[in-house]
């Protein structure tokens, strides 16, 4: 089952299947910025909860967003939102879109 939740304007899907052919790379010690605020300069960053588990987390990106494989716990941080703990699983981080009759556009953080 796919679960959906948010950290601010960043939608997060858990339990999604990553598309075939994506190349997953290990997460660096600095983590991964999955969304950067265009107005505030703040960012949503995935990090390891414990550096010993760094090797258990990898990511891939396509035109829709980021896919994250978490073998042990990771966290998603942002200066203006509560930290979210990401237990083991596969996650997708995308963007919210605003639809209207004239144009579709990404929601700006």
N, C-alpha and C. Protein backbone atom coordinates (compact mmCIF):
# COMPACT_ATOMS: atom_id res chain seq x y z
N UNK A 1 0.83 -1.16 0.00
CA UNK A 1 0.00 0.00 0.00
C UNK A 1 0.89 1.25 0.00
N UNK A 2 0.52 2.23 -0.80
CA UNK A 2 1.25 3.49 -0.87
C UNK A 2 0.65 4.45 0.15
N UNK A 3 1.53 5.06 0.95
CA UNK A 3 1.11 6.07 1.92
C UNK A 3 1.64 7.41 1.47
N UNK A 4 0.82 8.46 1.64
CA UNK A 4 1.22 9.80 1.25
C UNK A 4 1.19 10.72 2.46
N UNK A 5 2.25 11.52 2.61
CA UNK A 5 2.29 12.52 3.66
C UNK A 5 3.13 13.68 3.16
N UNK A 6 3.21 14.76 3.94
CA UNK A 6 3.87 15.99 3.50
C UNK A 6 4.79 16.52 4.58
N UNK A 7 5.82 17.24 4.13
CA UNK A 7 6.57 18.13 5.00
C UNK A 7 6.48 19.48 4.29
N UNK A 8 5.59 20.35 4.76
CA UNK A 8 5.33 21.61 4.06
C UNK A 8 4.76 21.31 2.69
N UNK A 9 5.39 21.84 1.65
CA UNK A 9 4.93 21.65 0.28
C UNK A 9 5.52 20.43 -0.41
N UNK A 10 6.30 19.63 0.31
CA UNK A 10 6.94 18.47 -0.30
C UNK A 10 6.08 17.22 -0.05
N UNK A 11 5.48 16.67 -1.12
CA UNK A 11 4.75 15.42 -0.96
C UNK A 11 5.72 14.24 -0.91
N UNK A 12 5.42 13.30 -0.01
CA UNK A 12 6.26 12.13 0.16
C UNK A 12 5.37 10.90 0.01
N UNK A 13 5.77 10.00 -0.86
CA UNK A 13 5.05 8.75 -1.04
C UNK A 13 5.92 7.62 -0.50
N UNK A 14 5.36 6.78 0.35
CA UNK A 14 6.09 5.61 0.86
C UNK A 14 5.46 4.36 0.28
N UNK A 15 6.30 3.44 -0.17
CA UNK A 15 5.81 2.18 -0.72
C UNK A 15 5.67 2.20 -2.22
N UNK A 16 6.16 3.25 -2.85
CA UNK A 16 6.09 3.37 -4.30
C UNK A 16 7.22 2.54 -4.93
N UNK A 17 6.99 2.04 -6.11
CA UNK A 17 8.02 1.28 -6.82
C UNK A 17 8.81 2.25 -7.71
N UNK A 18 10.12 2.19 -7.61
CA UNK A 18 10.97 3.04 -8.44
C UNK A 18 10.94 2.53 -9.88
N UNK A 19 10.96 3.45 -10.86
CA UNK A 19 10.98 3.03 -12.26
C UNK A 19 12.22 2.18 -12.58
N UNK A 20 12.07 1.27 -13.51
CA UNK A 20 13.18 0.42 -13.96
C UNK A 20 14.28 1.28 -14.55
N UNK A 21 15.52 0.88 -14.33
CA UNK A 21 16.66 1.53 -14.98
C UNK A 21 17.25 2.71 -14.23
N UNK A 22 16.66 3.11 -13.11
CA UNK A 22 17.24 4.22 -12.35
C UNK A 22 18.52 3.75 -11.67
N UNK A 23 19.53 4.61 -11.68
CA UNK A 23 20.80 4.29 -11.03
C UNK A 23 20.80 4.88 -9.63
N UNK A 24 20.81 4.04 -8.62
CA UNK A 24 20.83 4.50 -7.23
C UNK A 24 22.27 4.73 -6.79
N UNK A 25 22.48 5.85 -6.09
CA UNK A 25 23.79 6.23 -5.59
C UNK A 25 23.73 6.29 -4.07
N UNK A 26 24.85 6.04 -3.41
CA UNK A 26 24.84 6.13 -1.94
C UNK A 26 24.65 7.57 -1.47
N UNK A 27 23.98 7.71 -0.36
CA UNK A 27 23.78 9.02 0.26
C UNK A 27 25.12 9.50 0.83
N UNK A 28 25.43 10.77 0.64
CA UNK A 28 26.68 11.31 1.20
C UNK A 28 26.46 11.71 2.65
N UNK A 29 27.54 12.02 3.34
CA UNK A 29 27.45 12.44 4.74
C UNK A 29 26.68 13.75 4.89
N UNK A 30 26.67 14.57 3.84
CA UNK A 30 25.93 15.83 3.87
C UNK A 30 24.43 15.62 3.69
N UNK A 31 24.05 14.44 3.26
CA UNK A 31 22.64 14.17 3.00
C UNK A 31 22.25 14.55 1.59
N UNK A 32 20.95 14.71 1.37
CA UNK A 32 20.42 15.01 0.05
C UNK A 32 19.34 16.06 0.18
N UNK A 33 19.49 17.17 -0.53
CA UNK A 33 18.45 18.19 -0.56
C UNK A 33 17.43 17.77 -1.60
N UNK A 34 16.19 17.48 -1.15
CA UNK A 34 15.15 17.02 -2.07
C UNK A 34 14.29 18.16 -2.58
N UNK A 35 14.35 19.32 -1.89
CA UNK A 35 13.62 20.50 -2.35
C UNK A 35 14.25 21.72 -1.69
N UNK A 36 14.53 22.73 -2.52
CA UNK A 36 15.11 23.96 -2.00
C UNK A 36 14.09 25.08 -2.15
N UNK A 37 13.90 25.85 -1.09
CA UNK A 37 12.94 26.95 -1.13
C UNK A 37 13.42 28.06 -2.03
N UNK A 38 12.58 28.47 -2.97
CA UNK A 38 12.94 29.54 -3.88
C UNK A 38 12.79 30.91 -3.23
N UNK A 39 11.87 31.01 -2.26
CA UNK A 39 11.64 32.29 -1.59
C UNK A 39 12.44 32.40 -0.30
N UNK A 40 12.44 31.35 0.50
CA UNK A 40 13.05 31.42 1.83
C UNK A 40 14.52 31.02 1.85
N UNK A 41 14.96 30.24 0.87
CA UNK A 41 16.33 29.72 0.88
C UNK A 41 16.48 28.49 1.76
N UNK A 42 15.42 28.12 2.48
CA UNK A 42 15.46 26.91 3.29
C UNK A 42 15.35 25.69 2.40
N UNK A 43 15.73 24.55 2.93
CA UNK A 43 15.66 23.34 2.13
C UNK A 43 15.20 22.15 2.96
N UNK A 44 14.65 21.18 2.26
CA UNK A 44 14.23 19.91 2.84
C UNK A 44 15.37 18.94 2.56
N UNK A 45 15.97 18.39 3.62
CA UNK A 45 17.17 17.56 3.48
C UNK A 45 16.94 16.20 4.12
N UNK A 46 17.30 15.15 3.37
CA UNK A 46 17.31 13.79 3.91
C UNK A 46 18.69 13.54 4.48
N UNK A 47 18.73 13.03 5.71
CA UNK A 47 19.99 12.71 6.36
C UNK A 47 19.85 11.38 7.09
N UNK A 48 20.99 10.80 7.43
CA UNK A 48 20.95 9.58 8.23
C UNK A 48 20.70 9.98 9.68
N UNK A 49 20.01 9.11 10.39
CA UNK A 49 19.78 9.35 11.81
C UNK A 49 21.05 8.97 12.59
N UNK A 50 21.76 7.97 12.08
CA UNK A 50 23.00 7.48 12.69
C UNK A 50 24.01 7.25 11.57
N UNK A 51 25.16 7.90 11.62
CA UNK A 51 26.17 7.80 10.55
C UNK A 51 26.59 6.37 10.25
N UNK A 52 26.46 5.49 11.22
CA UNK A 52 26.81 4.08 11.00
C UNK A 52 25.89 3.45 9.96
N UNK A 53 24.72 4.05 9.73
CA UNK A 53 23.76 3.50 8.76
C UNK A 53 23.83 4.17 7.39
N UNK A 54 24.84 4.98 7.16
CA UNK A 54 24.97 5.72 5.89
C UNK A 54 24.94 4.79 4.69
N UNK A 55 25.58 3.64 4.79
CA UNK A 55 25.64 2.70 3.66
C UNK A 55 24.27 2.08 3.35
N UNK A 56 23.31 2.21 4.26
CA UNK A 56 21.99 1.60 4.08
C UNK A 56 21.00 2.48 3.33
N UNK A 57 21.45 3.66 2.86
CA UNK A 57 20.53 4.60 2.21
C UNK A 57 21.11 5.00 0.86
N UNK A 58 20.27 4.91 -0.17
CA UNK A 58 20.68 5.32 -1.51
C UNK A 58 19.54 6.08 -2.17
N UNK A 59 19.88 6.83 -3.23
CA UNK A 59 18.88 7.64 -3.91
C UNK A 59 19.09 7.63 -5.42
N UNK A 60 18.04 7.97 -6.13
CA UNK A 60 18.08 8.15 -7.58
C UNK A 60 17.15 9.31 -7.92
N UNK A 61 17.36 9.92 -9.07
CA UNK A 61 16.53 11.04 -9.49
C UNK A 61 16.09 10.84 -10.92
N UNK A 62 14.85 11.23 -11.20
CA UNK A 62 14.38 11.32 -12.58
C UNK A 62 13.68 12.67 -12.74
N UNK A 63 13.00 12.89 -13.85
CA UNK A 63 12.38 14.18 -14.11
C UNK A 63 11.23 14.51 -13.15
N UNK A 64 10.76 13.53 -12.40
CA UNK A 64 9.64 13.75 -11.48
C UNK A 64 10.06 14.05 -10.05
N UNK A 65 11.26 13.65 -9.66
CA UNK A 65 11.71 13.86 -8.30
C UNK A 65 12.77 12.87 -7.88
N UNK A 66 12.86 12.64 -6.57
CA UNK A 66 13.87 11.74 -6.00
C UNK A 66 13.23 10.48 -5.45
N UNK A 67 13.93 9.37 -5.61
CA UNK A 67 13.55 8.08 -5.02
C UNK A 67 14.62 7.76 -3.98
N UNK A 68 14.18 7.27 -2.84
CA UNK A 68 15.09 6.99 -1.74
C UNK A 68 14.84 5.59 -1.24
N UNK A 69 15.91 4.79 -1.16
CA UNK A 69 15.83 3.45 -0.57
C UNK A 69 16.45 3.55 0.82
N UNK A 70 15.65 3.26 1.82
CA UNK A 70 16.09 3.35 3.21
C UNK A 70 16.13 1.95 3.80
N UNK A 71 17.32 1.48 4.13
CA UNK A 71 17.47 0.17 4.75
C UNK A 71 17.37 0.25 6.26
N UNK A 72 17.68 1.40 6.79
CA UNK A 72 17.50 1.69 8.21
C UNK A 72 16.96 3.11 8.28
N UNK A 73 16.85 3.68 9.44
CA UNK A 73 16.19 4.97 9.55
C UNK A 73 16.96 6.14 8.94
N UNK A 74 16.19 7.05 8.32
CA UNK A 74 16.71 8.33 7.85
C UNK A 74 15.78 9.40 8.42
N UNK A 75 16.18 10.65 8.29
CA UNK A 75 15.31 11.74 8.72
C UNK A 75 15.19 12.78 7.62
N UNK A 76 14.07 13.49 7.59
CA UNK A 76 13.85 14.59 6.67
C UNK A 76 13.72 15.85 7.53
N UNK A 77 14.61 16.82 7.29
CA UNK A 77 14.64 18.02 8.11
C UNK A 77 14.32 19.27 7.30
N UNK A 78 13.84 20.29 7.99
CA UNK A 78 13.57 21.61 7.41
C UNK A 78 13.50 22.57 8.60
N UNK A 79 14.07 23.79 8.49
CA UNK A 79 14.09 24.71 9.62
C UNK A 79 12.71 25.12 10.15
N UNK A 80 11.68 25.08 9.29
CA UNK A 80 10.35 25.55 9.71
C UNK A 80 9.34 24.44 9.92
N UNK A 81 9.75 23.20 9.80
CA UNK A 81 8.82 22.07 9.95
C UNK A 81 9.41 21.05 10.92
N UNK A 82 8.54 20.23 11.48
CA UNK A 82 9.00 19.14 12.33
C UNK A 82 9.83 18.16 11.52
N UNK A 83 10.83 17.57 12.15
CA UNK A 83 11.63 16.53 11.52
C UNK A 83 10.77 15.28 11.37
N UNK A 84 10.88 14.63 10.23
CA UNK A 84 10.14 13.40 9.96
C UNK A 84 11.12 12.24 9.93
N UNK A 85 10.83 11.19 10.68
CA UNK A 85 11.64 9.98 10.66
C UNK A 85 11.12 9.08 9.54
N UNK A 86 12.04 8.60 8.71
CA UNK A 86 11.71 7.73 7.59
C UNK A 86 12.23 6.33 7.90
N UNK A 87 11.32 5.42 8.32
CA UNK A 87 11.76 4.05 8.58
C UNK A 87 12.07 3.32 7.28
N UNK A 88 12.51 2.10 7.38
CA UNK A 88 12.88 1.29 6.22
C UNK A 88 11.77 1.32 5.17
N UNK A 89 12.17 1.45 3.90
CA UNK A 89 11.21 1.46 2.80
C UNK A 89 11.74 2.21 1.60
N UNK A 90 10.88 2.36 0.60
CA UNK A 90 11.20 3.13 -0.60
C UNK A 90 10.28 4.34 -0.62
N UNK A 91 10.87 5.51 -0.84
CA UNK A 91 10.15 6.78 -0.79
C UNK A 91 10.33 7.53 -2.10
N UNK A 92 9.33 8.35 -2.41
CA UNK A 92 9.42 9.28 -3.54
C UNK A 92 9.14 10.68 -3.02
N UNK A 93 9.99 11.63 -3.40
CA UNK A 93 9.83 13.03 -3.04
C UNK A 93 9.60 13.81 -4.33
N UNK A 94 8.45 14.42 -4.44
CA UNK A 94 8.12 15.17 -5.66
C UNK A 94 7.82 16.62 -5.34
N UNK A 95 7.04 17.25 -6.19
CA UNK A 95 6.63 18.64 -6.01
C UNK A 95 5.12 18.72 -6.08
N UNK A 96 4.56 19.68 -5.36
CA UNK A 96 3.14 19.95 -5.50
C UNK A 96 2.95 20.83 -6.72
N UNK A 97 1.86 20.59 -7.43
CA UNK A 97 1.54 21.39 -8.61
C UNK A 97 0.22 22.08 -8.40
N UNK A 98 0.14 23.31 -8.87
CA UNK A 98 -1.08 24.09 -8.81
C UNK A 98 -1.70 24.09 -10.21
N UNK A 99 -2.93 23.66 -10.30
CA UNK A 99 -3.59 23.57 -11.60
C UNK A 99 -4.64 24.67 -11.71
N UNK A 100 -4.70 25.31 -12.87
CA UNK A 100 -5.78 26.25 -13.17
C UNK A 100 -6.01 26.23 -14.67
N UNK A 101 -6.94 27.02 -15.14
CA UNK A 101 -7.32 26.98 -16.56
C UNK A 101 -6.27 27.59 -17.48
N UNK A 102 -5.36 28.39 -16.94
CA UNK A 102 -4.38 29.08 -17.77
C UNK A 102 -3.08 28.31 -17.88
N UNK A 103 -2.53 27.89 -16.74
CA UNK A 103 -1.26 27.17 -16.76
C UNK A 103 -1.12 26.31 -15.50
N UNK A 104 -0.29 25.30 -15.58
CA UNK A 104 0.06 24.48 -14.43
C UNK A 104 1.44 24.95 -13.97
N UNK A 105 1.63 25.05 -12.64
CA UNK A 105 2.93 25.48 -12.15
C UNK A 105 3.24 24.82 -10.84
N UNK A 106 4.54 24.65 -10.57
CA UNK A 106 5.00 24.10 -9.31
C UNK A 106 4.69 25.08 -8.19
N UNK A 107 4.32 24.55 -7.04
CA UNK A 107 4.13 25.38 -5.85
C UNK A 107 5.51 25.78 -5.36
N UNK A 108 5.69 27.05 -5.07
CA UNK A 108 6.98 27.58 -4.63
C UNK A 108 7.02 27.59 -3.11
N UNK A 109 8.11 27.04 -2.56
CA UNK A 109 8.29 26.98 -1.11
C UNK A 109 8.83 28.31 -0.62
